[in-house]
Amino acid sequence: VPFLCECGDESCVEAMEMTPEEFISVHSAPNRFAVIPSHVLGDVEWVVETGEKYWVVEKRPSAMASAE
């Protein structure tokens, strides 16, 4: 299933393929998001999982207010 990249770039409309189960797993923590590989904003998040089609990033605590 195509899902939109959840990176911090508001103009990003790239899609990534994930299963619904993968999407649910990524969002089991409120500060985790799925992004296109390399769409990481290193100053506000870090990579916690890498895959071929998407990476999982975790927002740093100081960035959570903007993520919410």
PDB file of N, CA and C in Angstrom:
ATOM      1  N   VAL A   1       0.851  -1.171   0.000  1.00  0.00           N
ATOM      2  CA  VAL A   1       0.000   0.000   0.000  1.00  0.00           C
ATOM      3  C   VAL A   1       0.899   1.237   0.000  1.00  0.00           C
ATOM      4  N   PRO A   2       0.600   2.228  -0.833  1.00  0.00           N
ATOM      5  CA  PRO A   2       1.406   3.451  -0.792  1.00  0.00           C
ATOM      6  C   PRO A   2       0.983   4.356   0.376  1.00  0.00           C
ATOM      7  N   PHE A   3       1.988   4.839   1.107  1.00  0.00           N
ATOM      8  CA  PHE A   3       1.781   5.800   2.187  1.00  0.00           C
ATOM      9  C   PHE A   3       2.649   7.006   1.901  1.00  0.00           C
ATOM     10  N   LEU A   4       2.180   8.184   2.259  1.00  0.00           N
ATOM     11  CA  LEU A   4       2.983   9.390   2.075  1.00  0.00           C
ATOM     12  C   LEU A   4       4.135   9.417   3.067  1.00  0.00           C
ATOM     13  N   CYS A   5       5.269   9.897   2.594  1.00  0.00           N
ATOM     14  CA  CYS A   5       6.428  10.102   3.445  1.00  0.00           C
ATOM     15  C   CYS A   5       6.038  11.035   4.585  1.00  0.00           C
ATOM     16  N   GLU A   6       6.491  10.724   5.788  1.00  0.00           N
ATOM     17  CA  GLU A   6       6.143  11.523   6.967  1.00  0.00           C
ATOM     18  C   GLU A   6       7.312  12.394   7.421  1.00  0.00           C
ATOM     19  N   CYS A   7       8.157  12.774   6.464  1.00  0.00           N
ATOM     20  CA  CYS A   7       9.308  13.613   6.807  1.00  0.00           C
ATOM     21  C   CYS A   7       8.832  15.025   7.187  1.00  0.00           C
ATOM     22  N   GLY A   8       9.745  15.814   7.681  1.00  0.00           N
ATOM     23  CA  GLY A   8       9.409  17.154   8.150  1.00  0.00           C
ATOM     24  C   GLY A   8       9.274  18.190   7.056  1.00  0.00           C
ATOM     25  N   ASP A   9       9.485  17.814   5.803  1.00  0.00           N
ATOM     26  CA  ASP A   9       9.353  18.742   4.682  1.00  0.00           C
ATOM     27  C   ASP A   9       7.885  18.801   4.271  1.00  0.00           C
ATOM     28  N   GLU A  10       7.241  19.902   4.576  1.00  0.00           N
ATOM     29  CA  GLU A  10       5.801  20.036   4.300  1.00  0.00           C
ATOM     30  C   GLU A  10       5.456  19.924   2.823  1.00  0.00           C
ATOM     31  N   SER A  11       6.419  20.155   1.934  1.00  0.00           N
ATOM     32  CA  SER A  11       6.147  20.075   0.501  1.00  0.00           C
ATOM     33  C   SER A  11       6.381  18.671  -0.065  1.00  0.00           C
ATOM     34  N   CYS A  12       6.869  17.742   0.750  1.00  0.00           N
ATOM     35  CA  CYS A  12       7.144  16.377   0.282  1.00  0.00           C
ATOM     36  C   CYS A  12       5.835  15.631   0.058  1.00  0.00           C
ATOM     37  N   VAL A  13       5.692  15.061  -1.132  1.00  0.00           N
ATOM     38  CA  VAL A  13       4.514  14.263  -1.458  1.00  0.00           C
ATOM     39  C   VAL A  13       4.917  12.898  -2.015  1.00  0.00           C
ATOM     40  N   GLU A  14       6.139  12.466  -1.685  1.00  0.00           N
ATOM     41  CA  GLU A  14       6.616  11.171  -2.166  1.00  0.00           C
ATOM     42  C   GLU A  14       5.927  10.049  -1.406  1.00  0.00           C
ATOM     43  N   ALA A  15       5.688   8.958  -2.108  1.00  0.00           N
ATOM     44  CA  ALA A  15       5.025   7.801  -1.513  1.00  0.00           C
ATOM     45  C   ALA A  15       6.030   6.676  -1.304  1.00  0.00           C
ATOM     46  N   MET A  16       5.765   5.863  -0.299  1.00  0.00           N
ATOM     47  CA  MET A  16       6.582   4.683  -0.025  1.00  0.00           C
ATOM     48  C   MET A  16       5.642   3.503   0.168  1.00  0.00           C
ATOM     49  N   GLU A  17       6.088   2.334  -0.218  1.00  0.00           N
ATOM     50  CA  GLU A  17       5.276   1.126  -0.087  1.00  0.00           C
ATOM     51  C   GLU A  17       5.487   0.505   1.280  1.00  0.00           C
ATOM     52  N   MET A  18       4.391   0.248   1.970  1.00  0.00           N
ATOM     53  CA  MET A  18       4.404  -0.409   3.272  1.00  0.00           C
ATOM     54  C   MET A  18       3.153  -1.264   3.375  1.00  0.00           C
ATOM     55  N   THR A  19       3.241  -2.294   4.177  1.00  0.00           N
ATOM     56  CA  THR A  19       2.024  -3.040   4.481  1.00  0.00           C
ATOM     57  C   THR A  19       1.299  -2.291   5.601  1.00  0.00           C
ATOM     58  N   PRO A  20       0.007  -2.503   5.738  1.00  0.00           N
ATOM     59  CA  PRO A  20      -0.702  -1.885   6.866  1.00  0.00           C
ATOM     60  C   PRO A  20      -0.095  -2.287   8.212  1.00  0.00           C
ATOM     61  N   GLU A  21       0.376  -3.540   8.316  1.00  0.00           N
ATOM     62  CA  GLU A  21       0.989  -4.002   9.556  1.00  0.00           C
ATOM     63  C   GLU A  21       2.285  -3.239   9.849  1.00  0.00           C
ATOM     64  N   GLU A  22       3.092  -2.964   8.817  1.00  0.00           N
ATOM     65  CA  GLU A  22       4.317  -2.187   9.002  1.00  0.00           C
ATOM     66  C   GLU A  22       3.989  -0.769   9.475  1.00  0.00           C
ATOM     67  N   PHE A  23       2.972  -0.171   8.864  1.00  0.00           N
ATOM     68  CA  PHE A  23       2.567   1.183   9.250  1.00  0.00           C
ATOM     69  C   PHE A  23       2.147   1.216  10.716  1.00  0.00           C
ATOM     70  N   ILE A  24       1.348   0.257  11.130  1.00  0.00           N
ATOM     71  CA  ILE A  24       0.893   0.186  12.518  1.00  0.00           C
ATOM     72  C   ILE A  24       2.080  -0.016  13.453  1.00  0.00           C
ATOM     73  N   SER A  25       3.019  -0.852  13.056  1.00  0.00           N
ATOM     74  CA  SER A  25       4.199  -1.103  13.877  1.00  0.00           C
ATOM     75  C   SER A  25       5.036   0.160  14.065  1.00  0.00           C
ATOM     76  N   VAL A  26       5.238   0.911  12.979  1.00  0.00           N
ATOM     77  CA  VAL A  26       5.997   2.161  13.071  1.00  0.00           C
ATOM     78  C   VAL A  26       5.344   3.091  14.072  1.00  0.00           C
ATOM     79  N   HIS A  27       4.034   3.178  14.038  1.00  0.00           N
ATOM     80  CA  HIS A  27       3.301   4.123  14.869  1.00  0.00           C
ATOM     81  C   HIS A  27       2.907   3.563  16.239  1.00  0.00           C
ATOM     82  N   SER A  28       3.565   2.482  16.636  1.00  0.00           N
ATOM     83  CA  SER A  28       3.309   1.949  17.979  1.00  0.00           C
ATOM     84  C   SER A  28       3.872   2.886  19.051  1.00  0.00           C
ATOM     85  N   ALA A  29       4.756   3.770  18.648  1.00  0.00           N
ATOM     86  CA  ALA A  29       5.277   4.819  19.532  1.00  0.00           C
ATOM     87  C   ALA A  29       4.897   6.160  18.918  1.00  0.00           C
ATOM     88  N   PRO A  30       4.404   7.101  19.711  1.00  0.00           N
ATOM     89  CA  PRO A  30       3.911   8.368  19.152  1.00  0.00           C
ATOM     90  C   PRO A  30       4.991   9.273  18.559  1.00  0.00           C
ATOM     91  N   ASN A  31       6.252   8.990  18.829  1.00  0.00           N
ATOM     92  CA  ASN A  31       7.330   9.837  18.313  1.00  0.00           C
ATOM     93  C   ASN A  31       8.083   9.187  17.160  1.00  0.00           C
ATOM     94  N   ARG A  32       7.515   8.154  16.553  1.00  0.00           N
ATOM     95  CA  ARG A  32       8.149   7.468  15.423  1.00  0.00           C
ATOM     96  C   ARG A  32       7.349   7.696  14.147  1.00  0.00           C
ATOM     97  N   PHE A  33       8.107   7.854  13.043  1.00  0.00           N
ATOM     98  CA  PHE A  33       7.507   8.154  11.747  1.00  0.00           C
ATOM     99  C   PHE A  33       8.257   7.416  10.655  1.00  0.00           C
ATOM    100  N   ALA A  34       7.570   7.099   9.565  1.00  0.00           N
ATOM    101  CA  ALA A  34       8.182   6.450   8.414  1.00  0.00           C
ATOM    102  C   ALA A  34       8.508   7.509   7.371  1.00  0.00           C
ATOM    103  N   VAL A  35       9.738   7.442   6.849  1.00  0.00           N
ATOM    104  CA  VAL A  35      10.178   8.414   5.850  1.00  0.00           C
ATOM    105  C   VAL A  35      10.880   7.706   4.703  1.00  0.00           C
ATOM    106  N   ILE A  36      10.927   8.380   3.567  1.00  0.00           N
ATOM    107  CA  ILE A  36      11.723   7.912   2.440  1.00  0.00           C
ATOM    108  C   ILE A  36      13.187   7.901   2.893  1.00  0.00           C
ATOM    109  N   PRO A  37      13.956   6.864   2.544  1.00  0.00           N
ATOM    110  CA  PRO A  37      15.374   6.880   2.916  1.00  0.00           C
ATOM    111  C   PRO A  37      16.033   8.202   2.507  1.00  0.00           C
ATOM    112  N   SER A  38      16.759   8.760   3.392  1.00  0.00           N
ATOM    113  CA  SER A  38      17.492  10.030   3.249  1.00  0.00           C
ATOM    114  C   SER A  38      16.637  11.264   3.533  1.00  0.00           C
ATOM    115  N   HIS A  39      15.364  11.123   3.837  1.00  0.00           N
ATOM    116  CA  HIS A  39      14.517  12.268   4.191  1.00  0.00           C
ATOM    117  C   HIS A  39      14.561  12.518   5.696  1.00  0.00           C
ATOM    118  N   VAL A  40      15.734  12.439   6.273  1.00  0.00           N
ATOM    119  CA  VAL A  40      15.906  12.566   7.715  1.00  0.00           C
ATOM    120  C   VAL A  40      16.382  13.976   8.058  1.00  0.00           C
ATOM    121  N   LEU A  41      15.748  14.590   9.031  1.00  0.00           N
ATOM    122  CA  LEU A  41      16.166  15.896   9.533  1.00  0.00           C
ATOM    123  C   LEU A  41      16.994  15.654  10.788  1.00  0.00           C
ATOM    124  N   GLY A  42      18.304  15.524  10.609  1.00  0.00           N
ATOM    125  CA  GLY A  42      19.202  15.117  11.669  1.00  0.00           C
ATOM    126  C   GLY A  42      19.193  15.983  12.902  1.00  0.00           C
ATOM    127  N   ASP A  43      18.783  17.232  12.786  1.00  0.00           N
ATOM    128  CA  ASP A  43      18.781  18.097  13.961  1.00  0.00           C
ATOM    129  C   ASP A  43      17.564  17.874  14.854  1.00  0.00           C
ATOM    130  N   VAL A  44      16.529  17.184  14.374  1.00  0.00           N
ATOM    131  CA  VAL A  44      15.326  16.974  15.190  1.00  0.00           C
ATOM    132  C   VAL A  44      14.921  15.506  15.333  1.00  0.00           C
ATOM    133  N   GLU A  45      15.626  14.612  14.652  1.00  0.00           N
ATOM    134  CA  GLU A  45      15.257  13.196  14.715  1.00  0.00           C
ATOM    135  C   GLU A  45      16.469  12.321  14.433  1.00  0.00           C
ATOM    136  N   TRP A  46      16.365  11.049  14.818  1.00  0.00           N
ATOM    137  CA  TRP A  46      17.414  10.104  14.480  1.00  0.00           C
ATOM    138  C   TRP A  46      16.780   8.852  13.895  1.00  0.00           C
ATOM    139  N   VAL A  47      17.558   8.115  13.120  1.00  0.00           N
ATOM    140  CA  VAL A  47      17.097   6.900  12.462  1.00  0.00           C
ATOM    141  C   VAL A  47      17.169   5.745  13.454  1.00  0.00           C
ATOM    142  N   VAL A  48      16.059   5.025  13.606  1.00  0.00           N
ATOM    143  CA  VAL A  48      16.031   3.883  14.511  1.00  0.00           C
ATOM    144  C   VAL A  48      15.874   2.559  13.768  1.00  0.00           C
ATOM    145  N   GLU A  49      15.532   2.633  12.484  1.00  0.00           N
ATOM    146  CA  GLU A  49      15.378   1.420  11.685  1.00  0.00           C
ATOM    147  C   GLU A  49      15.552   1.789  10.218  1.00  0.00           C
ATOM    148  N   THR A  50      16.271   0.943   9.480  1.00  0.00           N
ATOM    149  CA  THR A  50      16.416   1.196   8.046  1.00  0.00           C
ATOM    150  C   THR A  50      15.890   0.003   7.268  1.00  0.00           C
ATOM    151  N   GLY A  51      15.340   0.305   6.140  1.00  0.00           N
ATOM    152  CA  GLY A  51      14.847  -0.720   5.246  1.00  0.00           C
ATOM    153  C   GLY A  51      15.074  -0.272   3.818  1.00  0.00           C
ATOM    154  N   GLU A  52      14.750  -1.111   2.893  1.00  0.00           N
ATOM    155  CA  GLU A  52      14.946  -0.779   1.487  1.00  0.00           C
ATOM    156  C   GLU A  52      13.973   0.291   1.013  1.00  0.00           C
ATOM    157  N   LYS A  53      12.728   0.226   1.471  1.00  0.00           N
ATOM    158  CA  LYS A  53      11.695   1.127   0.976  1.00  0.00           C
ATOM    159  C   LYS A  53      11.413   2.319   1.883  1.00  0.00           C
ATOM    160  N   TYR A  54      11.694   2.179   3.168  1.00  0.00           N
ATOM    161  CA  TYR A  54      11.450   3.285   4.100  1.00  0.00           C
ATOM    162  C   TYR A  54      12.369   3.149   5.310  1.00  0.00           C
ATOM    163  N   TRP A  55      12.568   4.256   5.995  1.00  0.00           N
ATOM    164  CA  TRP A  55      13.303   4.282   7.261  1.00  0.00           C
ATOM    165  C   TRP A  55      12.342   4.725   8.340  1.00  0.00           C
ATOM    166  N   VAL A  56      12.626   4.337   9.569  1.00  0.00           N
ATOM    167  CA  VAL A  56      11.848   4.782  10.720  1.00  0.00           C
ATOM    168  C   VAL A  56      12.709   5.773  11.496  1.00  0.00           C
ATOM    169  N   VAL A  57      12.133   6.940  11.735  1.00  0.00           N
ATOM    170  CA  VAL A  57      12.841   7.954  12.512  1.00  0.00           C
ATOM    171  C   VAL A  57      12.089   8.193  13.816  1.00  0.00           C
ATOM    172  N   GLU A  58      12.850   8.628  14.797  1.00  0.00           N
ATOM    173  CA  GLU A  58      12.276   8.969  16.089  1.00  0.00           C
ATOM    174  C   GLU A  58      12.588  10.426  16.371  1.00  0.00           C
ATOM    175  N   LYS A  59      11.552  11.198  16.645  1.00  0.00           N
ATOM    176  CA  LYS A  59      11.734  12.616  16.941  1.00  0.00           C
ATOM    177  C   LYS A  59      12.447  12.772  18.273  1.00  0.00           C
ATOM    178  N   ARG A  60      13.385  13.707  18.314  1.00  0.00           N
ATOM    179  CA  ARG A  60      14.048  14.029  19.576  1.00  0.00           C
ATOM    180  C   ARG A  60      13.009  14.701  20.485  1.00  0.00           C
ATOM    181  N   PRO A  61      13.138  14.549  21.788  1.00  0.00           N
ATOM    182  CA  PRO A  61      12.141  15.151  22.700  1.00  0.00           C
ATOM    183  C   PRO A  61      11.906  16.635  22.444  1.00  0.00           C
ATOM    184  N   SER A  62      12.946  17.367  22.096  1.00  0.00           N
ATOM    185  CA  SER A  62      12.777  18.813  21.852  1.00  0.00           C
ATOM    186  C   SER A  62      11.951  19.110  20.604  1.00  0.00           C
ATOM    187  N   ALA A  63      11.767  18.125  19.728  1.00  0.00           N
ATOM    188  CA  ALA A  63      11.020  18.321  18.486  1.00  0.00           C
ATOM    189  C   ALA A  63       9.600  17.790  18.550  1.00  0.00           C
ATOM    190  N   MET A  64       9.229  17.136  19.628  1.00  0.00           N
ATOM    191  CA  MET A  64       7.913  16.512  19.690  1.00  0.00           C
ATOM    192  C   MET A  64       6.764  17.499  19.634  1.00  0.00           C
ATOM    193  N   ALA A  65       6.910  18.695  20.160  1.00  0.00           N
ATOM    194  CA  ALA A  65       5.816  19.661  20.125  1.00  0.00           C
ATOM    195  C   ALA A  65       5.440  19.990  18.689  1.00  0.00           C
ATOM    196  N   SER A  66       6.416  20.141  17.815  1.00  0.00           N
ATOM    197  CA  SER A  66       6.111  20.446  16.415  1.00  0.00           C
ATOM    198  C   SER A  66       5.559  19.242  15.683  1.00  0.00           C
ATOM    199  N   ALA A  67       5.939  18.040  16.088  1.00  0.00           N
ATOM    200  CA  ALA A  67       5.421  16.822  15.459  1.00  0.00           C
ATOM    201  C   ALA A  67       3.965  16.588  15.793  1.00  0.00           C
ATOM    202  N   GLU A  68       3.566  16.995  17.004  1.00  0.00           N
ATOM    203  CA  GLU A  68       2.178  16.810  17.426  1.00  0.00           C
ATOM    204  C   GLU A  68       1.275  17.755  16.674  1.00  0.00           C
TER     205      GLU A  68
END
